[in-house]
PDB file of N, CA and C in Angstrom:
ATOM      1  N   MET A   1       1.593  75.204-182.830  1.00  0.00           N
ATOM      2  CA  MET A   1       1.568  74.461-183.655  1.00  0.00           C
ATOM      3  C   MET A   1       1.652  75.366-185.332  1.00  0.00           C
ATOM      4  N   MET A   2       2.601  75.016-186.445  1.00  0.00           N
ATOM      5  CA  MET A   2       2.136  75.776-187.478  1.00  0.00           C
ATOM      6  C   MET A   2       0.944  75.083-188.434  1.00  0.00           C
ATOM      7  N   ASN A   3       0.597  76.412-189.215  1.00  0.00           N
ATOM      8  CA  ASN A   3      -0.719  75.726-189.862  1.00  0.00           C
ATOM      9  C   ASN A   3       0.061  75.946-191.199  1.00  0.00           C
ATOM     10  N   SER A   4      -0.396  74.389-191.603  1.00  0.00           N
ATOM     11  CA  SER A   4       0.409  73.779-192.861  1.00  0.00           C
ATOM     12  C   SER A   4      -0.001  74.924-194.185  1.00  0.00           C
ATOM     13  N   THR A   5      -1.213  75.598-193.979  1.00  0.00           N
ATOM     14  CA  THR A   5      -1.393  76.398-195.487  1.00  0.00           C
ATOM     15  C   THR A   5      -0.513  77.752-194.750  1.00  0.00           C
ATOM     16  N   SER A   6      -0.622  78.281-194.450  1.00  0.00           N
ATOM     17  CA  SER A   6       0.119  79.669-193.844  1.00  0.00           C
ATOM     18  C   SER A   6       0.401  79.667-192.517  1.00  0.00           C
ATOM     19  N   PRO A   7       1.928  80.794-192.335  1.00  0.00           N
ATOM     20  CA  PRO A   7       2.087  80.874-191.079  1.00  0.00           C
ATOM     21  C   PRO A   7       0.861  82.073-190.651  1.00  0.00           C
ATOM     22  N   GLN A   8       0.345  81.892-189.377  1.00  0.00           N
ATOM     23  CA  GLN A   8      -0.757  82.962-188.546  1.00  0.00           C
ATOM     24  C   GLN A   8      -0.113  83.341-187.204  1.00  0.00           C
ATOM     25  N   LEU A   9       0.055  84.406-186.959  1.00  0.00           N
ATOM     26  CA  LEU A   9       0.458  84.972-185.666  1.00  0.00           C
ATOM     27  C   LEU A   9       0.214  84.150-184.555  1.00  0.00           C
ATOM     28  N   GLU A  10      -1.416  83.906-184.784  1.00  0.00           N
ATOM     29  CA  GLU A  10      -1.864  82.852-183.060  1.00  0.00           C
ATOM     30  C   GLU A  10      -0.819  81.472-183.119  1.00  0.00           C
ATOM     31  N   ASP A  11      -0.343  81.137-184.539  1.00  0.00           N
ATOM     32  CA  ASP A  11       0.390  79.864-184.281  1.00  0.00           C
ATOM     33  C   ASP A  11       1.859  80.415-183.620  1.00  0.00           C
ATOM     34  N   GLY A  12       2.027  81.720-182.877  1.00  0.00           N
ATOM     35  CA  GLY A  12       3.394  81.943-182.149  1.00  0.00           C
ATOM     36  C   GLY A  12       3.711  83.303-182.851  1.00  0.00           C
ATOM     37  N   PHE A  13       4.946  83.800-182.279  1.00  0.00           N
ATOM     38  CA  PHE A  13       5.395  84.873-183.137  1.00  0.00           C
ATOM     39  C   PHE A  13       6.947  85.247-182.026  1.00  0.00           C
ATOM     40  N   ILE A  14       7.736  85.957-182.844  1.00  0.00           N
ATOM     41  CA  ILE A  14       9.153  86.167-181.915  1.00  0.00           C
ATOM     42  C   ILE A  14       8.488  87.837-182.474  1.00  0.00           C
ATOM     43  N   ARG A  15       8.970  89.112-181.149  1.00  0.00           N
ATOM     44  CA  ARG A  15       8.834  90.137-180.976  1.00  0.00           C
ATOM     45  C   ARG A  15       9.954  90.238-180.833  1.00  0.00           C
ATOM     46  N   ILE A  16      10.899  91.602-181.851  1.00  0.00           N
ATOM     47  CA  ILE A  16      12.037  91.503-181.894  1.00  0.00           C
ATOM     48  C   ILE A  16      12.161  93.257-182.256  1.00  0.00           C
ATOM     49  N   ALA A  17      12.989  93.977-181.558  1.00  0.00           N
ATOM     50  CA  ALA A  17      13.068  95.534-181.483  1.00  0.00           C
ATOM     51  C   ALA A  17      13.114  96.101-182.888  1.00  0.00           C
ATOM     52  N   THR A  18      12.686  96.978-183.238  1.00  0.00           N
ATOM     53  CA  THR A  18      13.093  97.523-185.047  1.00  0.00           C
ATOM     54  C   THR A  18      15.045  97.777-184.517  1.00  0.00           C
ATOM     55  N   ASP A  19      15.443  98.321-183.371  1.00  0.00           N
ATOM     56  CA  ASP A  19      16.712  98.926-183.327  1.00  0.00           C
ATOM     57  C   ASP A  19      17.624  97.115-184.030  1.00  0.00           C
ATOM     58  N   ILE A  20      16.940  96.080-183.382  1.00  0.00           N
ATOM     59  CA  ILE A  20      18.169  95.044-183.495  1.00  0.00           C
ATOM     60  C   ILE A  20      18.025  94.759-185.105  1.00  0.00           C
ATOM     61  N   ALA A  21      17.003  94.771-185.594  1.00  0.00           N
ATOM     62  CA  ALA A  21      16.624  94.207-187.119  1.00  0.00           C
ATOM     63  C   ALA A  21      17.560  95.152-187.842  1.00  0.00           C
ATOM     64  N   LYS A  22      17.586  96.439-187.621  1.00  0.00           N
ATOM     65  CA  LYS A  22      18.786  97.645-187.942  1.00  0.00           C
ATOM     66  C   LYS A  22      19.976  97.272-187.815  1.00  0.00           C
ATOM     67  N   TYR A  23      20.408  97.055-186.668  1.00  0.00           N
ATOM     68  CA  TYR A  23      21.883  96.541-186.760  1.00  0.00           C
ATOM     69  C   TYR A  23      21.991  95.106-187.181  1.00  0.00           C
ATOM     70  N   LEU A  24      21.340  94.464-187.130  1.00  0.00           N
ATOM     71  CA  LEU A  24      21.509  92.839-187.732  1.00  0.00           C
ATOM     72  C   LEU A  24      21.497  93.273-189.486  1.00  0.00           C
ATOM     73  N   ALA A  25      20.983  93.632-190.260  1.00  0.00           N
ATOM     74  CA  ALA A  25      20.275  94.226-191.397  1.00  0.00           C
ATOM     75  C   ALA A  25      22.135  95.005-191.997  1.00  0.00           C
ATOM     76  N   LYS A  26      23.036  95.718-191.088  1.00  0.00           N
ATOM     77  CA  LYS A  26      24.197  96.286-191.195  1.00  0.00           C
ATOM     78  C   LYS A  26      25.265  95.513-191.075  1.00  0.00           C
ATOM     79  N   THR A  27      24.913  94.010-190.503  1.00  0.00           N
ATOM     80  CA  THR A  27      26.387  93.319-189.974  1.00  0.00           C
ATOM     81  C   THR A  27      26.499  92.299-191.046  1.00  0.00           C
ATOM     82  N   TYR A  28      27.407  92.014-191.389  1.00  0.00           N
ATOM     83  CA  TYR A  28      27.761  90.620-192.387  1.00  0.00           C
ATOM     84  C   TYR A  28      28.104  90.126-191.512  1.00  0.00           C
ATOM     85  N   MET A  29      27.636  88.772-191.806  1.00  0.00           N
ATOM     86  CA  MET A  29      27.405  86.983-190.972  1.00  0.00           C
ATOM     87  C   MET A  29      27.443  86.329-192.179  1.00  0.00           C
ATOM     88  N   SER A  30      27.774  85.329-192.044  1.00  0.00           N
ATOM     89  CA  SER A  30      27.865  84.041-192.870  1.00  0.00           C
ATOM     90  C   SER A  30      26.480  83.504-192.607  1.00  0.00           C
ATOM     91  N   SER A  31      25.900  82.690-193.629  1.00  0.00           N
ATOM     92  CA  SER A  31      24.755  82.239-193.673  1.00  0.00           C
ATOM     93  C   SER A  31      24.537  81.055-192.173  1.00  0.00           C
ATOM     94  N   TYR A  32      25.321  80.614-192.153  1.00  0.00           N
ATOM     95  CA  TYR A  32      25.514  79.559-190.618  1.00  0.00           C
ATOM     96  C   TYR A  32      25.032  80.655-189.378  1.00  0.00           C
ATOM     97  N   GLU A  33      25.996  81.546-189.527  1.00  0.00           N
ATOM     98  CA  GLU A  33      25.850  82.862-188.209  1.00  0.00           C
ATOM     99  C   GLU A  33      23.886  82.866-188.197  1.00  0.00           C
ATOM    100  N   SER A  34      24.181  83.755-189.409  1.00  0.00           N
ATOM    101  CA  SER A  34      22.548  84.182-189.391  1.00  0.00           C
ATOM    102  C   SER A  34      21.564  82.894-189.511  1.00  0.00           C
ATOM    103  N   GLN A  35      21.593  81.744-190.037  1.00  0.00           N
ATOM    104  CA  GLN A  35      20.648  80.676-189.020  1.00  0.00           C
ATOM    105  C   GLN A  35      20.328  80.605-187.619  1.00  0.00           C
ATOM    106  N   ILE A  36      21.959  80.204-187.131  1.00  0.00           N
ATOM    107  CA  ILE A  36      21.840  79.995-185.270  1.00  0.00           C
ATOM    108  C   ILE A  36      21.411  81.027-184.789  1.00  0.00           C
ATOM    109  N   ILE A  37      21.689  82.681-185.337  1.00  0.00           N
ATOM    110  CA  ILE A  37      20.937  83.833-184.613  1.00  0.00           C
ATOM    111  C   ILE A  37      19.607  83.518-184.578  1.00  0.00           C
ATOM    112  N   TRP A  38      18.821  83.184-185.929  1.00  0.00           N
ATOM    113  CA  TRP A  38      17.417  83.152-185.881  1.00  0.00           C
ATOM    114  C   TRP A  38      16.685  82.084-185.027  1.00  0.00           C
ATOM    115  N   ALA A  39      17.597  81.072-184.983  1.00  0.00           N
ATOM    116  CA  ALA A  39      17.261  79.384-183.951  1.00  0.00           C
ATOM    117  C   ALA A  39      17.543  80.208-182.384  1.00  0.00           C
ATOM    118  N   ILE A  40      18.469  81.508-182.390  1.00  0.00           N
ATOM    119  CA  ILE A  40      18.456  81.700-180.753  1.00  0.00           C
ATOM    120  C   ILE A  40      17.121  82.578-180.434  1.00  0.00           C
ATOM    121  N   PHE A  41      16.822  83.254-181.880  1.00  0.00           N
ATOM    122  CA  PHE A  41      15.965  84.186-181.475  1.00  0.00           C
ATOM    123  C   PHE A  41      14.413  82.985-181.092  1.00  0.00           C
ATOM    124  N   ILE A  42      14.156  82.291-181.859  1.00  0.00           N
ATOM    125  CA  ILE A  42      12.689  80.938-181.342  1.00  0.00           C
ATOM    126  C   ILE A  42      12.972  80.884-180.470  1.00  0.00           C
ATOM    127  N   LYS A  43      14.171  80.263-179.707  1.00  0.00           N
ATOM    128  CA  LYS A  43      14.243  79.429-178.308  1.00  0.00           C
ATOM    129  C   LYS A  43      14.450  80.190-177.341  1.00  0.00           C
ATOM    130  N   THR A  44      14.198  81.784-177.341  1.00  0.00           N
ATOM    131  CA  THR A  44      14.373  82.954-176.506  1.00  0.00           C
ATOM    132  C   THR A  44      13.172  83.459-176.722  1.00  0.00           C
ATOM    133  N   TYR A  45      13.355  84.802-177.826  1.00  0.00           N
ATOM    134  CA  TYR A  45      12.579  85.939-177.942  1.00  0.00           C
ATOM    135  C   TYR A  45      10.758  85.201-177.797  1.00  0.00           C
ATOM    136  N   GLY A  46      11.151  83.754-178.479  1.00  0.00           N
ATOM    137  CA  GLY A  46       9.763  83.142-179.324  1.00  0.00           C
ATOM    138  C   GLY A  46       9.216  82.611-178.058  1.00  0.00           C
ATOM    139  N   PHE A  47       9.715  82.407-176.687  1.00  0.00           N
ATOM    140  CA  PHE A  47       9.351  82.349-175.999  1.00  0.00           C
ATOM    141  C   PHE A  47       9.522  83.148-174.930  1.00  0.00           C
ATOM    142  N   ASN A  48       9.105  84.853-174.882  1.00  0.00           N
ATOM    143  CA  ASN A  48       9.483  85.620-174.584  1.00  0.00           C
ATOM    144  C   ASN A  48      10.639  85.223-172.817  1.00  0.00           C
ATOM    145  N   LYS A  49      11.535  84.507-173.715  1.00  0.00           N
ATOM    146  CA  LYS A  49      12.780  84.378-172.282  1.00  0.00           C
ATOM    147  C   LYS A  49      13.674  85.598-173.381  1.00  0.00           C
ATOM    148  N   LYS A  50      15.163  86.154-172.192  1.00  0.00           N
ATOM    149  CA  LYS A  50      16.051  86.936-172.802  1.00  0.00           C
ATOM    150  C   LYS A  50      16.647  85.576-172.833  1.00  0.00           C
ATOM    151  N   GLU A  51      17.380  84.587-172.002  1.00  0.00           N
ATOM    152  CA  GLU A  51      18.252  83.693-172.405  1.00  0.00           C
ATOM    153  C   GLU A  51      17.852  82.022-172.405  1.00  0.00           C
ATOM    154  N   ASP A  52      18.573  81.220-173.327  1.00  0.00           N
ATOM    155  CA  ASP A  52      18.110  79.966-172.857  1.00  0.00           C
ATOM    156  C   ASP A  52      19.297  79.054-172.982  1.00  0.00           C
ATOM    157  N   TRP A  53      19.193  77.427-172.378  1.00  0.00           N
ATOM    158  CA  TRP A  53      19.891  76.359-172.320  1.00  0.00           C
ATOM    159  C   TRP A  53      19.096  76.308-173.911  1.00  0.00           C
ATOM    160  N   ILE A  54      20.451  76.062-174.364  1.00  0.00           N
ATOM    161  CA  ILE A  54      20.259  75.967-176.060  1.00  0.00           C
ATOM    162  C   ILE A  54      21.132  74.589-176.398  1.00  0.00           C
ATOM    163  N   SER A  55      20.945  73.133-176.137  1.00  0.00           N
ATOM    164  CA  SER A  55      21.688  72.128-177.066  1.00  0.00           C
ATOM    165  C   SER A  55      22.362  72.399-178.321  1.00  0.00           C
ATOM    166  N   ASN A  56      23.460  71.763-178.785  1.00  0.00           N
ATOM    167  CA  ASN A  56      23.747  72.003-180.611  1.00  0.00           C
ATOM    168  C   ASN A  56      22.564  71.148-181.046  1.00  0.00           C
ATOM    169  N   SER A  57      22.016  69.833-180.119  1.00  0.00           N
ATOM    170  CA  SER A  57      20.929  68.827-181.177  1.00  0.00           C
ATOM    171  C   SER A  57      20.123  69.270-181.330  1.00  0.00           C
ATOM    172  N   GLN A  58      19.597  70.895-180.385  1.00  0.00           N
ATOM    173  CA  GLN A  58      18.300  71.705-180.490  1.00  0.00           C
ATOM    174  C   GLN A  58      18.675  72.699-182.076  1.00  0.00           C
ATOM    175  N   PHE A  59      19.953  73.026-182.073  1.00  0.00           N
ATOM    176  CA  PHE A  59      19.807  73.962-183.359  1.00  0.00           C
ATOM    177  C   PHE A  59      20.267  73.058-184.382  1.00  0.00           C
ATOM    178  N   VAL A  60      20.506  71.712-184.617  1.00  0.00           N
ATOM    179  CA  VAL A  60      20.743  71.177-185.341  1.00  0.00           C
ATOM    180  C   VAL A  60      19.017  71.058-186.091  1.00  0.00           C
ATOM    181  N   GLU A  61      18.764  70.580-185.106  1.00  0.00           N
ATOM    182  CA  GLU A  61      16.835  70.093-185.474  1.00  0.00           C
ATOM    183  C   GLU A  61      16.716  71.648-185.954  1.00  0.00           C
ATOM    184  N   ILE A  62      16.442  72.768-185.861  1.00  0.00           N
ATOM    185  CA  ILE A  62      15.789  73.598-186.530  1.00  0.00           C
ATOM    186  C   ILE A  62      16.574  74.307-187.342  1.00  0.00           C
ATOM    187  N   THR A  63      17.821  74.472-187.857  1.00  0.00           N
ATOM    188  CA  THR A  63      18.617  74.620-188.852  1.00  0.00           C
ATOM    189  C   THR A  63      18.829  73.679-189.786  1.00  0.00           C
ATOM    190  N   LYS A  64      18.942  72.388-189.493  1.00  0.00           N
ATOM    191  CA  LYS A  64      19.376  71.614-190.358  1.00  0.00           C
ATOM    192  C   LYS A  64      20.655  71.549-190.686  1.00  0.00           C
ATOM    193  N   ILE A  65      21.857  72.190-189.986  1.00  0.00           N
ATOM    194  CA  ILE A  65      22.894  72.200-190.271  1.00  0.00           C
ATOM    195  C   ILE A  65      24.051  71.420-189.239  1.00  0.00           C
ATOM    196  N   GLU A  66      24.618  70.673-189.765  1.00  0.00           N
ATOM    197  CA  GLU A  66      25.117  69.833-189.312  1.00  0.00           C
ATOM    198  C   GLU A  66      25.901  70.172-187.751  1.00  0.00           C
ATOM    199  N   LYS A  67      26.044  68.650-186.608  1.00  0.00           N
ATOM    200  CA  LYS A  67      26.346  69.537-185.477  1.00  0.00           C
ATOM    201  C   LYS A  67      28.147  70.150-185.697  1.00  0.00           C
ATOM    202  N   ALA A  68      28.869  69.356-186.007  1.00  0.00           N
ATOM    203  CA  ALA A  68      29.802  70.098-186.014  1.00  0.00           C
ATOM    204  C   ALA A  68      29.965  71.779-186.704  1.00  0.00           C
ATOM    205  N   HIS A  69      29.531  71.979-187.526  1.00  0.00           N
ATOM    206  CA  HIS A  69      29.485  73.360-188.054  1.00  0.00           C
ATOM    207  C   HIS A  69      28.272  74.382-186.880  1.00  0.00           C
ATOM    208  N   VAL A  70      27.376  73.664-186.651  1.00  0.00           N
ATOM    209  CA  VAL A  70      26.899  74.399-185.529  1.00  0.00           C
ATOM    210  C   VAL A  70      27.315  75.001-184.413  1.00  0.00           C
ATOM    211  N   SER A  71      28.476  74.068-183.651  1.00  0.00           N
ATOM    212  CA  SER A  71      29.492  74.087-182.472  1.00  0.00           C
ATOM    213  C   SER A  71      30.582  75.504-183.116  1.00  0.00           C
ATOM    214  N   ARG A  72      30.785  75.277-184.138  1.00  0.00           N
ATOM    215  CA  ARG A  72      31.789  76.357-184.708  1.00  0.00           C
ATOM    216  C   ARG A  72      31.239  77.671-184.796  1.00  0.00           C
ATOM    217  N   THR A  73      30.001  77.849-185.313  1.00  0.00           N
ATOM    218  CA  THR A  73      29.199  78.845-185.677  1.00  0.00           C
ATOM    219  C   THR A  73      28.770  79.511-184.072  1.00  0.00           C
ATOM    220  N   VAL A  74      28.605  78.472-183.598  1.00  0.00           N
ATOM    221  CA  VAL A  74      28.251  79.519-182.198  1.00  0.00           C
ATOM    222  C   VAL A  74      29.273  80.083-181.016  1.00  0.00           C
ATOM    223  N   ARG A  75      30.711  79.640-181.549  1.00  0.00           N
ATOM    224  CA  ARG A  75      31.406  79.683-180.714  1.00  0.00           C
ATOM    225  C   ARG A  75      31.965  80.926-181.813  1.00  0.00           C
ATOM    226  N   LYS A  76      31.566  81.399-183.338  1.00  0.00           N
ATOM    227  CA  LYS A  76      32.001  82.771-183.689  1.00  0.00           C
ATOM    228  C   LYS A  76      31.637  83.653-183.044  1.00  0.00           C
ATOM    229  N   LEU A  77      30.054  83.433-183.085  1.00  0.00           N
ATOM    230  CA  LEU A  77      28.894  84.492-182.696  1.00  0.00           C
ATOM    231  C   LEU A  77      29.731  84.620-181.121  1.00  0.00           C
ATOM    232  N   LEU A  78      30.175  83.916-180.228  1.00  0.00           N
ATOM    233  CA  LEU A  78      30.507  84.038-179.240  1.00  0.00           C
ATOM    234  C   LEU A  78      31.610  85.026-178.949  1.00  0.00           C
ATOM    235  N   ASN A  79      32.794  84.261-179.799  1.00  0.00           N
ATOM    236  CA  ASN A  79      33.761  85.594-180.361  1.00  0.00           C
ATOM    237  C   ASN A  79      33.578  86.458-180.963  1.00  0.00           C
ATOM    238  N   ARG A  80      32.550  87.187-181.581  1.00  0.00           N
ATOM    239  CA  ARG A  80      32.552  88.356-182.575  1.00  0.00           C
ATOM    240  C   ARG A  80      31.105  89.283-181.271  1.00  0.00           C
ATOM    241  N   ARG A  81      31.272  88.192-180.009  1.00  0.00           N
ATOM    242  CA  ARG A  81      29.867  89.081-179.000  1.00  0.00           C
ATOM    243  C   ARG A  81      28.278  89.115-179.181  1.00  0.00           C
ATOM    244  N   ILE A  82      28.255  88.751-180.725  1.00  0.00           N
ATOM    245  CA  ILE A  82      27.058  89.148-181.024  1.00  0.00           C
ATOM    246  C   ILE A  82      26.115  88.013-180.007  1.00  0.00           C
ATOM    247  N   VAL A  83      26.290  87.062-179.805  1.00  0.00           N
ATOM    248  CA  VAL A  83      25.702  86.037-178.389  1.00  0.00           C
ATOM    249  C   VAL A  83      26.224  86.236-176.950  1.00  0.00           C
ATOM    250  N   THR A  84      25.855  85.712-176.093  1.00  0.00           N
ATOM    251  CA  THR A  84      26.831  85.880-175.465  1.00  0.00           C
ATOM    252  C   THR A  84      26.075  84.780-174.445  1.00  0.00           C
ATOM    253  N   GLN A  85      27.446  84.042-173.722  1.00  0.00           N
ATOM    254  CA  GLN A  85      26.620  82.760-172.773  1.00  0.00           C
ATOM    255  C   GLN A  85      27.264  82.849-170.907  1.00  0.00           C
ATOM    256  N   ILE A  86      26.368  82.371-170.111  1.00  0.00           N
ATOM    257  CA  ILE A  86      26.879  82.723-168.756  1.00  0.00           C
ATOM    258  C   ILE A  86      26.340  80.915-168.525  1.00  0.00           C
ATOM    259  N   GLY A  87      27.212  80.304-168.074  1.00  0.00           N
ATOM    260  CA  GLY A  87      27.145  78.838-167.721  1.00  0.00           C
ATOM    261  C   GLY A  87      26.753  77.939-169.447  1.00  0.00           C
ATOM    262  N   ASN A  88      25.627  77.596-168.926  1.00  0.00           N
ATOM    263  CA  ASN A  88      24.720  76.795-170.146  1.00  0.00           C
ATOM    264  C   ASN A  88      24.073  77.861-170.997  1.00  0.00           C
ATOM    265  N   LYS A  89      23.705  79.008-170.520  1.00  0.00           N
ATOM    266  CA  LYS A  89      22.674  79.884-171.301  1.00  0.00           C
ATOM    267  C   LYS A  89      23.287  80.736-171.967  1.00  0.00           C
ATOM    268  N   ILE A  90      22.729  80.395-173.436  1.00  0.00           N
ATOM    269  CA  ILE A  90      23.332  81.452-174.363  1.00  0.00           C
ATOM    270  C   ILE A  90      22.368  82.953-174.605  1.00  0.00           C
ATOM    271  N   ALA A  91      22.508  83.722-174.667  1.00  0.00           N
ATOM    272  CA  ALA A  91      21.578  84.895-175.378  1.00  0.00           C
ATOM    273  C   ALA A  91      21.938  85.478-176.969  1.00  0.00           C
ATOM    274  N   PHE A  92      21.173  86.541-177.378  1.00  0.00           N
ATOM    275  CA  PHE A  92      21.393  87.598-178.555  1.00  0.00           C
ATOM    276  C   PHE A  92      22.212  89.022-177.301  1.00  0.00           C
ATOM    277  N   GLN A  93      23.541  89.521-177.888  1.00  0.00           N
ATOM    278  CA  GLN A  93      23.594  90.853-177.258  1.00  0.00           C
ATOM    279  C   GLN A  93      22.941  91.661-178.078  1.00  0.00           C
ATOM    280  N   LYS A  94      22.322  92.328-177.121  1.00  0.00           N
ATOM    281  CA  LYS A  94      21.249  93.777-178.051  1.00  0.00           C
ATOM    282  C   LYS A  94      21.998  94.687-178.097  1.00  0.00           C
ATOM    283  N   ASP A  95      23.137  95.075-177.182  1.00  0.00           N
ATOM    284  CA  ASP A  95      23.955  96.216-177.453  1.00  0.00           C
ATOM    285  C   ASP A  95      25.077  96.119-179.084  1.00  0.00           C
ATOM    286  N   SER A  96      24.763  96.328-179.738  1.00  0.00           N
ATOM    287  CA  SER A  96      25.504  96.401-180.893  1.00  0.00           C
ATOM    288  C   SER A  96      26.601  96.890-180.841  1.00  0.00           C
ATOM    289  N   LYS A  97      26.848  97.676-179.990  1.00  0.00           N
ATOM    290  CA  LYS A  97      28.057  98.344-180.001  1.00  0.00           C
ATOM    291  C   LYS A  97      29.314  97.421-179.368  1.00  0.00           C
ATOM    292  N   LEU A  98      29.237  96.531-178.337  1.00  0.00           N
ATOM    293  CA  LEU A  98      30.098  95.074-178.222  1.00  0.00           C
ATOM    294  C   LEU A  98      30.768  94.581-179.176  1.00  0.00           C
ATOM    295  N   TRP A  99      29.436  94.455-180.528  1.00  0.00           N
ATOM    296  CA  TRP A  99      30.333  93.421-180.982  1.00  0.00           C
ATOM    297  C   TRP A  99      31.142  93.598-181.654  1.00  0.00           C
ATOM    298  N   CYS A 100      32.020  92.689-182.082  1.00  0.00           N
ATOM    299  CA  CYS A 100      33.132  92.879-182.920  1.00  0.00           C
ATOM    300  C   CYS A 100      33.036  92.878-184.126  1.00  0.00           C
ATOM    301  N   ARG A 101      33.280  93.807-184.769  1.00  0.00           N
ATOM    302  CA  ARG A 101      33.352  93.578-186.365  1.00  0.00           C
ATOM    303  C   ARG A 101      34.279  93.443-187.150  1.00  0.00           C
ATOM    304  N   LEU A 102      33.965  92.732-188.018  1.00  0.00           N
ATOM    305  CA  LEU A 102      34.517  91.552-189.094  1.00  0.00           C
ATOM    306  C   LEU A 102      35.825  93.067-189.819  1.00  0.00           C
ATOM    307  N   PRO A 103      37.087  92.766-189.838  1.00  0.00           N
ATOM    308  CA  PRO A 103      37.766  93.460-190.932  1.00  0.00           C
ATOM    309  C   PRO A 103      37.020  93.406-192.319  1.00  0.00           C
ATOM    310  N   LYS A 104      37.644  94.176-193.294  1.00  0.00           N
ATOM    311  CA  LYS A 104      37.455  93.668-194.693  1.00  0.00           C
ATOM    312  C   LYS A 104      37.724  92.640-194.701  1.00  0.00           C
ATOM    313  N   GLN A 105      37.152  92.440-196.175  1.00  0.00           N
ATOM    314  CA  GLN A 105      37.067  90.690-196.700  1.00  0.00           C
ATOM    315  C   GLN A 105      38.221  90.690-197.500  1.00  0.00           C
ATOM    316  N   ALA A 106      39.066  91.653-198.412  1.00  0.00           N
ATOM    317  CA  ALA A 106      39.556  91.348-199.286  1.00  0.00           C
ATOM    318  C   ALA A 106      40.410  92.472-198.918  1.00  0.00           C
ATOM    319  N   THR A 107      42.247  91.992-199.220  1.00  0.00           N
ATOM    320  CA  THR A 107      42.738  93.216-199.926  1.00  0.00           C
ATOM    321  C   THR A 107      43.952  93.089-200.646  1.00  0.00           C
ATOM    322  N   VAL A 108      44.545  93.631-201.018  1.00  0.00           N
ATOM    323  CA  VAL A 108      45.760  93.588-202.073  1.00  0.00           C
ATOM    324  C   VAL A 108      47.198  93.759-201.126  1.00  0.00           C
ATOM    325  N   THR A 109      47.712  92.332-201.150  1.00  0.00           N
ATOM    326  CA  THR A 109      49.098  92.307-200.791  1.00  0.00           C
ATOM    327  C   THR A 109      50.248  92.783-201.339  1.00  0.00           C
ATOM    328  N   GLN A 110      51.439  93.176-201.003  1.00  0.00           N
ATOM    329  CA  GLN A 110      52.219  93.749-201.479  1.00  0.00           C
ATOM    330  C   GLN A 110      52.539  93.252-202.854  1.00  0.00           C
ATOM    331  N   THR A 111      52.732  91.805-203.125  1.00  0.00           N
ATOM    332  CA  THR A 111      52.808  91.186-204.326  1.00  0.00           C
ATOM    333  C   THR A 111      51.785  91.475-205.498  1.00  0.00           C
ATOM    334  N   GLY A 112      50.817  92.266-205.323  1.00  0.00           N
ATOM    335  CA  GLY A 112      49.250  92.327-205.824  1.00  0.00           C
ATOM    336  C   GLY A 112      48.424  91.372-206.006  1.00  0.00           C
ATOM    337  N   ASN A 113      48.367  90.491-205.330  1.00  0.00           N
ATOM    338  CA  ASN A 113      47.887  89.341-205.321  1.00  0.00           C
ATOM    339  C   ASN A 113      46.405  89.818-204.132  1.00  0.00           C
ATOM    340  N   PRO A 114      45.318  89.702-204.662  1.00  0.00           N
ATOM    341  CA  PRO A 114      44.050  89.480-203.509  1.00  0.00           C
ATOM    342  C   PRO A 114      44.257  88.753-202.529  1.00  0.00           C
ATOM    343  N   VAL A 115      43.788  88.995-201.219  1.00  0.00           N
ATOM    344  CA  VAL A 115      43.823  87.966-200.301  1.00  0.00           C
ATOM    345  C   VAL A 115      42.454  87.871-199.805  1.00  0.00           C
ATOM    346  N   ALA A 116      41.720  86.871-199.297  1.00  0.00           N
ATOM    347  CA  ALA A 116      40.781  87.498-197.792  1.00  0.00           C
ATOM    348  C   ALA A 116      41.139  86.938-196.851  1.00  0.00           C
ATOM    349  N   HIS A 117      40.553  87.750-195.985  1.00  0.00           N
ATOM    350  CA  HIS A 117      40.787  87.816-194.340  1.00  0.00           C
ATOM    351  C   HIS A 117      39.726  86.625-193.657  1.00  0.00           C
ATOM    352  N   LEU A 118      39.966  85.823-193.371  1.00  0.00           N
ATOM    353  CA  LEU A 118      38.827  84.854-193.130  1.00  0.00           C
ATOM    354  C   LEU A 118      39.302  84.363-191.453  1.00  0.00           C
ATOM    355  N   GLY A 119      39.081  85.491-190.722  1.00  0.00           N
ATOM    356  CA  GLY A 119      39.433  85.468-189.190  1.00  0.00           C
ATOM    357  C   GLY A 119      40.790  85.653-188.804  1.00  0.00           C
ATOM    358  N   GLN A 120      41.518  84.646-188.638  1.00  0.00           N
ATOM    359  CA  GLN A 120      42.920  84.834-188.314  1.00  0.00           C
ATOM    360  C   GLN A 120      44.165  83.871-189.610  1.00  0.00           C
ATOM    361  N   LYS A 121      42.949  83.073-190.949  1.00  0.00           N
ATOM    362  CA  LYS A 121      43.320  82.472-191.344  1.00  0.00           C
ATOM    363  C   LYS A 121      43.673  83.636-192.590  1.00  0.00           C
ATOM    364  N   VAL A 122      44.445  83.263-193.809  1.00  0.00           N
ATOM    365  CA  VAL A 122      44.150  84.170-194.872  1.00  0.00           C
ATOM    366  C   VAL A 122      44.403  83.400-196.091  1.00  0.00           C
ATOM    367  N   ALA A 123      43.361  83.401-196.755  1.00  0.00           N
ATOM    368  CA  ALA A 123      43.068  82.730-198.341  1.00  0.00           C
ATOM    369  C   ALA A 123      43.729  83.434-199.262  1.00  0.00           C
ATOM    370  N   GLN A 124      44.567  82.692-199.908  1.00  0.00           N
ATOM    371  CA  GLN A 124      44.996  83.670-201.759  1.00  0.00           C
ATOM    372  C   GLN A 124      43.278  83.582-202.439  1.00  0.00           C
ATOM    373  N   MET A 125      43.371  84.201-203.306  1.00  0.00           N
ATOM    374  CA  MET A 125      42.203  84.459-203.701  1.00  0.00           C
ATOM    375  C   MET A 125      42.390  84.378-205.574  1.00  0.00           C
ATOM    376  N   GLY A 126      41.430  84.019-206.169  1.00  0.00           N
ATOM    377  CA  GLY A 126      42.012  83.890-207.783  1.00  0.00           C
ATOM    378  C   GLY A 126      42.848  82.748-208.376  1.00  0.00           C
ATOM    379  N   LYS A 127      42.988  81.621-207.630  1.00  0.00           N
ATOM    380  CA  LYS A 127      43.413  80.651-208.145  1.00  0.00           C
ATOM    381  C   LYS A 127      42.995  79.322-208.317  1.00  0.00           C
TER     382      LYS A 127
END
């Protein structure tokens, strides 16, 4: 149970290797991706598990992110290989060498207009 005055280790804790924290500190993630990663840590490492079946409604409850955004964000993390899924169980991928890096976020086109590369989509900036 969470203490109403201040968090206490006696109320539960998540043990994460320092190297994992270092890898994550160097990795660009959206706010939603970061929130989902923390929810995975809570549901797995917080209960001394490496993987767990985590429903979208559990992600919604923990993060307060809308269900449609949860599905999309989990899919993005799976595509980036930051998390893995076998059957219904999801896990954090500890080997950061397997993660897919995002391309540079902004480049200049031949016309001189900056564009943002968002996965497969390209959005024109500055308008």
